[in-house]
Amino acid sequence: MKLLKIISTCIIIMAACFFTFKISKTIIDNKNLDYVPETPFVKEKTQEKVTPPKDIDKLISHIVKGTGKTTLPVKSDKNFIVYEGKLYVTNNQGKSWLMVPDDDKVGYARISEYIDTVTQSNVYTSNEELTIVYGGRGSENISIITTDSDGKVWSVGSISKTATHDLQKGYDKLYIDFIDDGKTGYIAAIRNDEAPLAFRSVNSGVTWDHIENRDTLYGEIMNRFGL
């Protein structure tokens, strides 16, 4: 009888401990659900920093939308004209004109910021294509923008390591020309009293290679532009 009494007492104590634990856990869980921190931690959203490329090295040309053909109430014996602050080019003696669009891609030059530097030597026209070379001021490389005679779509390429890093003055003069039915292109860039830079393209202006002044081709390019 004494042993049975001890066992019964132990069972009662264990049951009481179990129910006490369950009740305590329920109270704590409810408090946790209602808990609101005084200074909750909020993870700040950080925006990825967009930085322009330091140098654009022979990237495939990207596309810029144009406005297509238009007519202007002007006459000019040149294949380009500045009208109402915009640069226009023609390959049919001014019967129709194409407005050269700005390139808004980060790291590339905008034609509107170089209009005052554009001369006849910057512009190449044929029955099939119109091309303008510009840029080089500050951190911007020389750009080449090209379209067909329709002018609704333009492609823009860039020549690496041609930025002058001078915000006030870029190149004094830029020249461009194509031969071999437009397959081979030449560019010359003149700045101050430095030796002119020369470039050649063998894929219709998609990419351009620098020509050293000790190369015989360098002299041919200079002669082509009368330099």
C-alpha atoms as a PDB file:
ATOM      1  CA  MET A   1       0.000   0.000   0.000  1.00  0.00           C
ATOM      2  CA  LYS A   2       2.814   2.322   0.845  1.00  0.00           C
ATOM      3  CA  LEU A   3       4.465   1.697  -2.569  1.00  0.00           C
ATOM      4  CA  LEU A   4       1.187   2.292  -4.407  1.00  0.00           C
ATOM      5  CA  LYS A   5       0.718   5.578  -2.567  1.00  0.00           C
ATOM      6  CA  ILE A   6       4.219   6.735  -3.611  1.00  0.00           C
ATOM      7  CA  ILE A   7       3.601   5.818  -7.267  1.00  0.00           C
ATOM      8  CA  SER A   8       0.251   7.673  -7.289  1.00  0.00           C
ATOM      9  CA  THR A   9       1.878  10.767  -5.800  1.00  0.00           C
ATOM     10  CA  CYS A  10       4.619  10.731  -8.500  1.00  0.00           C
ATOM     11  CA  ILE A  11       2.048  10.414 -11.276  1.00  0.00           C
ATOM     12  CA  ILE A  12       0.057  13.378  -9.912  1.00  0.00           C
ATOM     13  CA  ILE A  13       3.240  15.535  -9.677  1.00  0.00           C
ATOM     14  CA  MET A  14       4.299  14.665 -13.255  1.00  0.00           C
ATOM     15  CA  ALA A  15       0.835  15.458 -14.624  1.00  0.00           C
ATOM     16  CA  ALA A  16       0.834  18.806 -12.832  1.00  0.00           C
ATOM     17  CA  CYS A  17       4.261  19.681 -14.253  1.00  0.00           C
ATOM     18  CA  PHE A  18       3.156  18.751 -17.766  1.00  0.00           C
ATOM     19  CA  PHE A  19       0.003  20.886 -17.662  1.00  0.00           C
ATOM     20  CA  THR A  20       1.980  23.804 -16.149  1.00  0.00           C
ATOM     21  CA  PHE A  21       4.496  23.611 -19.035  1.00  0.00           C
ATOM     22  CA  LYS A  22       1.755  23.572 -21.693  1.00  0.00           C
ATOM     23  CA  ILE A  23      -0.019  26.583 -20.198  1.00  0.00           C
ATOM     24  CA  SER A  24       3.272  28.562 -19.927  1.00  0.00           C
ATOM     25  CA  LYS A  25       4.208  27.788 -23.545  1.00  0.00           C
ATOM     26  CA  THR A  26       0.796  28.952 -24.803  1.00  0.00           C
ATOM     27  CA  ILE A  27       1.118  32.260 -22.928  1.00  0.00           C
ATOM     28  CA  ILE A  28       4.645  32.880 -24.319  1.00  0.00           C
ATOM     29  CA  ASP A  29       3.578  32.067 -27.901  1.00  0.00           C
ATOM     30  CA  ASN A  30       0.670  34.519 -27.705  1.00  0.00           C
ATOM     31  CA  LYS A  31       2.958  37.247 -26.420  1.00  0.00           C
ATOM     32  CA  ASN A  32       5.406  36.636 -29.285  1.00  0.00           C
ATOM     33  CA  LEU A  33       2.597  36.983 -31.824  1.00  0.00           C
ATOM     34  CA  ASP A  34       1.606  40.363 -30.393  1.00  0.00           C
ATOM     35  CA  TYR A  35       5.182  41.644 -30.065  1.00  0.00           C
ATOM     36  CA  VAL A  36       6.066  44.730 -32.114  1.00  0.00           C
ATOM     37  CA  PRO A  37       9.683  45.975 -31.822  1.00  0.00           C
ATOM     38  CA  GLU A  38      10.125  49.633 -30.886  1.00  0.00           C
ATOM     39  CA  THR A  39      12.744  50.166 -33.604  1.00  0.00           C
ATOM     40  CA  PRO A  40      12.157  47.420 -36.176  1.00  0.00           C
ATOM     41  CA  PHE A  41      15.044  46.615 -38.511  1.00  0.00           C
ATOM     42  CA  VAL A  42      14.196  47.427 -42.116  1.00  0.00           C
ATOM     43  CA  LYS A  43      16.591  46.390 -44.848  1.00  0.00           C
ATOM     44  CA  GLU A  44      17.245  49.360 -47.053  1.00  0.00           C
ATOM     45  CA  LYS A  45      16.834  48.905 -50.780  1.00  0.00           C
ATOM     46  CA  THR A  46      19.973  49.865 -52.596  1.00  0.00           C
ATOM     47  CA  GLN A  47      19.979  50.844 -56.242  1.00  0.00           C
ATOM     48  CA  GLU A  48      22.636  49.453 -58.459  1.00  0.00           C
ATOM     49  CA  LYS A  49      25.049  52.159 -59.445  1.00  0.00           C
ATOM     50  CA  VAL A  50      25.124  52.762 -63.195  1.00  0.00           C
ATOM     51  CA  THR A  51      28.532  53.866 -64.364  1.00  0.00           C
ATOM     52  CA  PRO A  52      29.479  54.548 -67.978  1.00  0.00           C
ATOM     53  CA  PRO A  53      32.108  52.287 -69.463  1.00  0.00           C
ATOM     54  CA  LYS A  54      35.613  53.709 -69.218  1.00  0.00           C
ATOM     55  CA  ASP A  55      36.341  52.556 -72.737  1.00  0.00           C
ATOM     56  CA  ILE A  56      34.173  51.033 -75.393  1.00  0.00           C
ATOM     57  CA  ASP A  57      36.306  48.564 -77.281  1.00  0.00           C
ATOM     58  CA  LYS A  58      34.918  47.511 -80.653  1.00  0.00           C
ATOM     59  CA  LEU A  59      31.415  46.766 -79.491  1.00  0.00           C
ATOM     60  CA  ILE A  60      28.899  45.742 -82.104  1.00  0.00           C
ATOM     61  CA  SER A  61      26.934  48.798 -83.204  1.00  0.00           C
ATOM     62  CA  HIS A  62      23.716  49.543 -81.366  1.00  0.00           C
ATOM     63  CA  ILE A  63      20.504  50.891 -82.842  1.00  0.00           C
ATOM     64  CA  VAL A  64      19.065  54.411 -82.593  1.00  0.00           C
ATOM     65  CA  LYS A  65      15.639  55.210 -84.016  1.00  0.00           C
ATOM     66  CA  GLY A  66      15.336  57.958 -86.629  1.00  0.00           C
ATOM     67  CA  THR A  67      12.453  59.957 -88.064  1.00  0.00           C
ATOM     68  CA  GLY A  68      12.862  59.033 -91.719  1.00  0.00           C
ATOM     69  CA  LYS A  69      12.844  61.289 -94.756  1.00  0.00           C
ATOM     70  CA  THR A  70      11.601  64.847 -94.653  1.00  0.00           C
ATOM     71  CA  THR A  71      11.762  68.005 -96.774  1.00  0.00           C
ATOM     72  CA  LEU A  72      13.168  71.335 -95.640  1.00  0.00           C
ATOM     73  CA  PRO A  73      12.431  74.861 -96.906  1.00  0.00           C
ATOM     74  CA  VAL A  74      16.122  75.442 -97.585  1.00  0.00           C
ATOM     75  CA  LYS A  75      18.636  75.053-100.378  1.00  0.00           C
ATOM     76  CA  SER A  76      22.219  73.952 -99.928  1.00  0.00           C
ATOM     77  CA  ASP A  77      25.022  72.722-102.143  1.00  0.00           C
ATOM     78  CA  LYS A  78      26.345  70.611 -99.257  1.00  0.00           C
ATOM     79  CA  ASN A  79      25.243  67.171 -98.151  1.00  0.00           C
ATOM     80  CA  PHE A  80      24.505  68.405 -94.625  1.00  0.00           C
ATOM     81  CA  ILE A  81      22.803  71.373 -93.031  1.00  0.00           C
ATOM     82  CA  VAL A  82      21.905  72.618 -89.547  1.00  0.00           C
ATOM     83  CA  TYR A  83      18.237  73.565 -89.405  1.00  0.00           C
ATOM     84  CA  GLU A  84      16.477  74.698 -86.215  1.00  0.00           C
ATOM     85  CA  GLY A  85      19.312  73.316 -84.114  1.00  0.00           C
ATOM     86  CA  LYS A  86      19.244  69.861 -85.715  1.00  0.00           C
ATOM     87  CA  LEU A  87      21.740  68.253 -88.088  1.00  0.00           C
ATOM     88  CA  TYR A  88      20.309  67.005 -91.383  1.00  0.00           C
ATOM     89  CA  VAL A  89      22.064  65.074 -94.151  1.00  0.00           C
ATOM     90  CA  THR A  90      21.100  64.295 -97.743  1.00  0.00           C
ATOM     91  CA  ASN A  91      22.311  62.052-100.534  1.00  0.00           C
ATOM     92  CA  ASN A  92      20.033  63.408-103.273  1.00  0.00           C
ATOM     93  CA  GLN A  93      21.005  67.083-103.528  1.00  0.00           C
ATOM     94  CA  GLY A  94      18.473  68.191-100.936  1.00  0.00           C
ATOM     95  CA  LYS A  95      15.353  66.634-102.433  1.00  0.00           C
ATOM     96  CA  SER A  96      14.882  64.951 -99.060  1.00  0.00           C
ATOM     97  CA  TRP A  97      16.722  65.220 -95.751  1.00  0.00           C
ATOM     98  CA  LEU A  98      17.387  62.893 -92.824  1.00  0.00           C
ATOM     99  CA  MET A  99      17.637  64.285 -89.308  1.00  0.00           C
ATOM    100  CA  VAL A 100      20.596  62.766 -87.445  1.00  0.00           C
ATOM    101  CA  PRO A 101      19.260  61.526 -84.079  1.00  0.00           C
ATOM    102  CA  ASP A 102      20.979  61.838 -80.719  1.00  0.00           C
ATOM    103  CA  ASP A 103      22.524  58.717 -79.248  1.00  0.00           C
ATOM    104  CA  ASP A 104      21.362  58.520 -75.620  1.00  0.00           C
ATOM    105  CA  LYS A 105      23.321  55.385 -74.742  1.00  0.00           C
ATOM    106  CA  VAL A 106      25.521  55.912 -71.667  1.00  0.00           C
ATOM    107  CA  GLY A 107      29.143  56.604 -72.565  1.00  0.00           C
ATOM    108  CA  TYR A 108      28.500  57.623 -76.169  1.00  0.00           C
ATOM    109  CA  ALA A 109      28.644  61.091 -77.721  1.00  0.00           C
ATOM    110  CA  ARG A 110      25.468  62.989 -78.692  1.00  0.00           C
ATOM    111  CA  ILE A 111      25.497  64.584 -82.122  1.00  0.00           C
ATOM    112  CA  SER A 112      23.615  67.646 -80.817  1.00  0.00           C
ATOM    113  CA  GLU A 113      26.654  68.502 -78.680  1.00  0.00           C
ATOM    114  CA  TYR A 114      28.993  68.382 -81.701  1.00  0.00           C
ATOM    115  CA  ILE A 115      26.979  70.207 -84.369  1.00  0.00           C
ATOM    116  CA  ASP A 116      29.375  73.154 -84.313  1.00  0.00           C
ATOM    117  CA  THR A 117      32.270  70.811 -85.199  1.00  0.00           C
ATOM    118  CA  VAL A 118      30.627  69.123 -88.197  1.00  0.00           C
ATOM    119  CA  THR A 119      32.026  70.041 -91.605  1.00  0.00           C
ATOM    120  CA  GLN A 120      31.962  68.407 -95.015  1.00  0.00           C
ATOM    121  CA  SER A 121      34.807  66.106 -93.993  1.00  0.00           C
ATOM    122  CA  ASN A 122      32.693  64.570 -91.189  1.00  0.00           C
ATOM    123  CA  VAL A 123      30.016  63.366 -93.580  1.00  0.00           C
ATOM    124  CA  TYR A 124      30.075  60.502 -96.069  1.00  0.00           C
ATOM    125  CA  THR A 125      27.148  59.853 -98.402  1.00  0.00           C
ATOM    126  CA  SER A 126      26.433  57.335-101.152  1.00  0.00           C
ATOM    127  CA  ASN A 127      23.272  56.137-102.834  1.00  0.00           C
ATOM    128  CA  GLU A 128      22.906  53.458-100.182  1.00  0.00           C
ATOM    129  CA  GLU A 129      24.307  54.935 -96.963  1.00  0.00           C
ATOM    130  CA  LEU A 130      24.924  58.130 -95.010  1.00  0.00           C
ATOM    131  CA  THR A 131      27.581  58.233 -92.288  1.00  0.00           C
ATOM    132  CA  ILE A 132      28.755  60.923 -89.875  1.00  0.00           C
ATOM    133  CA  VAL A 133      31.851  60.795 -87.656  1.00  0.00           C
ATOM    134  CA  TYR A 134      31.922  62.956 -84.508  1.00  0.00           C
ATOM    135  CA  GLY A 135      32.778  62.944 -80.799  1.00  0.00           C
ATOM    136  CA  GLY A 136      36.014  62.681 -78.834  1.00  0.00           C
ATOM    137  CA  ARG A 137      35.468  65.419 -76.271  1.00  0.00           C
ATOM    138  CA  GLY A 138      35.992  64.635 -72.587  1.00  0.00           C
ATOM    139  CA  SER A 139      35.572  60.920 -71.871  1.00  0.00           C
ATOM    140  CA  GLU A 140      33.608  60.273 -75.064  1.00  0.00           C
ATOM    141  CA  ASN A 141      35.234  58.267 -77.830  1.00  0.00           C
ATOM    142  CA  ILE A 142      34.822  59.019 -81.525  1.00  0.00           C
ATOM    143  CA  SER A 143      31.424  57.800 -82.720  1.00  0.00           C
ATOM    144  CA  ILE A 144      30.279  56.774 -86.191  1.00  0.00           C
ATOM    145  CA  ILE A 145      26.542  56.906 -86.928  1.00  0.00           C
ATOM    146  CA  THR A 146      25.187  55.338 -90.119  1.00  0.00           C
ATOM    147  CA  THR A 147      21.849  54.830 -91.855  1.00  0.00           C
ATOM    148  CA  ASP A 148      20.495  53.761 -95.219  1.00  0.00           C
ATOM    149  CA  SER A 149      18.635  56.144 -97.506  1.00  0.00           C
ATOM    150  CA  ASP A 150      15.433  55.633 -95.506  1.00  0.00           C
ATOM    151  CA  GLY A 151      16.730  57.091 -92.234  1.00  0.00           C
ATOM    152  CA  LYS A 152      14.292  55.345 -89.903  1.00  0.00           C
ATOM    153  CA  VAL A 153      16.982  53.265 -88.211  1.00  0.00           C
ATOM    154  CA  TRP A 154      20.573  54.336 -87.464  1.00  0.00           C
ATOM    155  CA  SER A 155      23.456  52.254 -86.124  1.00  0.00           C
ATOM    156  CA  VAL A 156      26.138  53.740 -83.890  1.00  0.00           C
ATOM    157  CA  GLY A 157      29.631  52.398 -83.307  1.00  0.00           C
ATOM    158  CA  SER A 158      32.621  53.765 -81.432  1.00  0.00           C
ATOM    159  CA  ILE A 159      36.404  53.710 -81.766  1.00  0.00           C
ATOM    160  CA  SER A 160      38.112  52.731 -78.524  1.00  0.00           C
ATOM    161  CA  LYS A 161      40.770  54.850 -76.840  1.00  0.00           C
ATOM    162  CA  THR A 162      39.946  57.991 -78.844  1.00  0.00           C
ATOM    163  CA  ALA A 163      38.612  60.143 -75.985  1.00  0.00           C
ATOM    164  CA  THR A 164      40.715  63.312 -75.604  1.00  0.00           C
ATOM    165  CA  HIS A 165      39.725  63.789 -71.920  1.00  0.00           C
ATOM    166  CA  ASP A 166      39.449  67.502 -72.682  1.00  0.00           C
ATOM    167  CA  LEU A 167      35.985  68.872 -71.914  1.00  0.00           C
ATOM    168  CA  GLN A 168      36.587  72.143 -73.741  1.00  0.00           C
ATOM    169  CA  LYS A 169      38.101  70.915 -76.959  1.00  0.00           C
ATOM    170  CA  GLY A 170      38.023  67.606 -78.766  1.00  0.00           C
ATOM    171  CA  TYR A 171      39.434  67.064 -82.250  1.00  0.00           C
ATOM    172  CA  ASP A 172      40.153  69.959 -84.586  1.00  0.00           C
ATOM    173  CA  LYS A 173      39.031  67.993 -87.619  1.00  0.00           C
ATOM    174  CA  LEU A 174      37.611  64.565 -88.428  1.00  0.00           C
ATOM    175  CA  TYR A 175      37.588  62.893 -91.846  1.00  0.00           C
ATOM    176  CA  ILE A 176      35.727  59.830 -93.111  1.00  0.00           C
ATOM    177  CA  ASP A 177      35.513  58.040 -96.448  1.00  0.00           C
ATOM    178  CA  PHE A 178      34.700  54.604 -97.867  1.00  0.00           C
ATOM    179  CA  ILE A 179      36.000  52.711-100.886  1.00  0.00           C
ATOM    180  CA  ASP A 180      35.428  49.259-102.425  1.00  0.00           C
ATOM    181  CA  ASP A 181      31.661  49.760-102.564  1.00  0.00           C
ATOM    182  CA  GLY A 182      31.595  50.776 -98.922  1.00  0.00           C
ATOM    183  CA  LYS A 183      33.428  47.730 -97.585  1.00  0.00           C
ATOM    184  CA  THR A 184      36.636  49.564 -96.632  1.00  0.00           C
ATOM    185  CA  GLY A 185      36.474  52.734 -94.558  1.00  0.00           C
ATOM    186  CA  TYR A 186      39.073  55.314 -93.536  1.00  0.00           C
ATOM    187  CA  ILE A 187      38.986  57.838 -90.705  1.00  0.00           C
ATOM    188  CA  ALA A 188      41.544  60.503 -89.799  1.00  0.00           C
ATOM    189  CA  ALA A 189      41.463  62.569 -86.606  1.00  0.00           C
ATOM    190  CA  ILE A 190      43.477  65.761 -86.122  1.00  0.00           C
ATOM    191  CA  ARG A 191      44.130  67.417 -82.766  1.00  0.00           C
ATOM    192  CA  ASN A 192      46.491  70.318 -82.033  1.00  0.00           C
ATOM    193  CA  ASP A 193      49.992  69.755 -83.365  1.00  0.00           C
ATOM    194  CA  GLU A 194      49.913  66.030 -82.722  1.00  0.00           C
ATOM    195  CA  ALA A 195      50.340  63.516 -85.526  1.00  0.00           C
ATOM    196  CA  PRO A 196      46.892  62.689 -86.967  1.00  0.00           C
ATOM    197  CA  LEU A 197      45.279  59.432 -85.900  1.00  0.00           C
ATOM    198  CA  ALA A 198      44.301  57.013 -88.656  1.00  0.00           C
ATOM    199  CA  PHE A 199      41.795  54.154 -88.620  1.00  0.00           C
ATOM    200  CA  ARG A 200      40.600  51.563 -91.103  1.00  0.00           C
ATOM    201  CA  SER A 201      37.504  49.383 -91.264  1.00  0.00           C
ATOM    202  CA  VAL A 202      37.308  46.278 -93.445  1.00  0.00           C
ATOM    203  CA  ASN A 203      33.701  45.401 -92.578  1.00  0.00           C
ATOM    204  CA  SER A 204      31.738  48.448 -93.775  1.00  0.00           C
ATOM    205  CA  GLY A 205      32.358  50.416 -90.590  1.00  0.00           C
ATOM    206  CA  VAL A 206      31.277  47.853 -88.006  1.00  0.00           C
ATOM    207  CA  THR A 207      34.692  47.945 -86.292  1.00  0.00           C
ATOM    208  CA  TRP A 208      37.744  50.167 -86.769  1.00  0.00           C
ATOM    209  CA  ASP A 209      41.443  49.396 -86.366  1.00  0.00           C
ATOM    210  CA  HIS A 210      44.100  51.927 -85.434  1.00  0.00           C
ATOM    211  CA  ILE A 211      46.815  52.309 -88.087  1.00  0.00           C
ATOM    212  CA  GLU A 212      50.285  53.150 -86.781  1.00  0.00           C
ATOM    213  CA  ASN A 213      52.080  56.061 -88.468  1.00  0.00           C
ATOM    214  CA  ARG A 214      54.960  53.763 -89.416  1.00  0.00           C
ATOM    215  CA  ASP A 215      52.585  51.619 -91.483  1.00  0.00           C
ATOM    216  CA  THR A 216      52.536  52.303 -95.238  1.00  0.00           C
ATOM    217  CA  LEU A 217      48.728  52.382 -95.086  1.00  0.00           C
ATOM    218  CA  TYR A 218      48.961  55.381 -92.770  1.00  0.00           C
ATOM    219  CA  GLY A 219      50.458  57.467 -95.568  1.00  0.00           C
ATOM    220  CA  GLU A 220      47.759  56.304 -97.981  1.00  0.00           C
ATOM    221  CA  ILE A 221      45.035  57.395 -95.585  1.00  0.00           C
ATOM    222  CA  MET A 222      46.667  60.798 -95.070  1.00  0.00           C
ATOM    223  CA  ASN A 223      46.980  61.261 -98.840  1.00  0.00           C
ATOM    224  CA  ARG A 224      43.339  60.365 -99.375  1.00  0.00           C
ATOM    225  CA  PHE A 225      42.299  63.227 -97.134  1.00  0.00           C
ATOM    226  CA  GLY A 226      44.983  65.603 -98.425  1.00  0.00           C
ATOM    227  CA  LEU A 227      46.829  65.690 -95.122  1.00  0.00           C
END
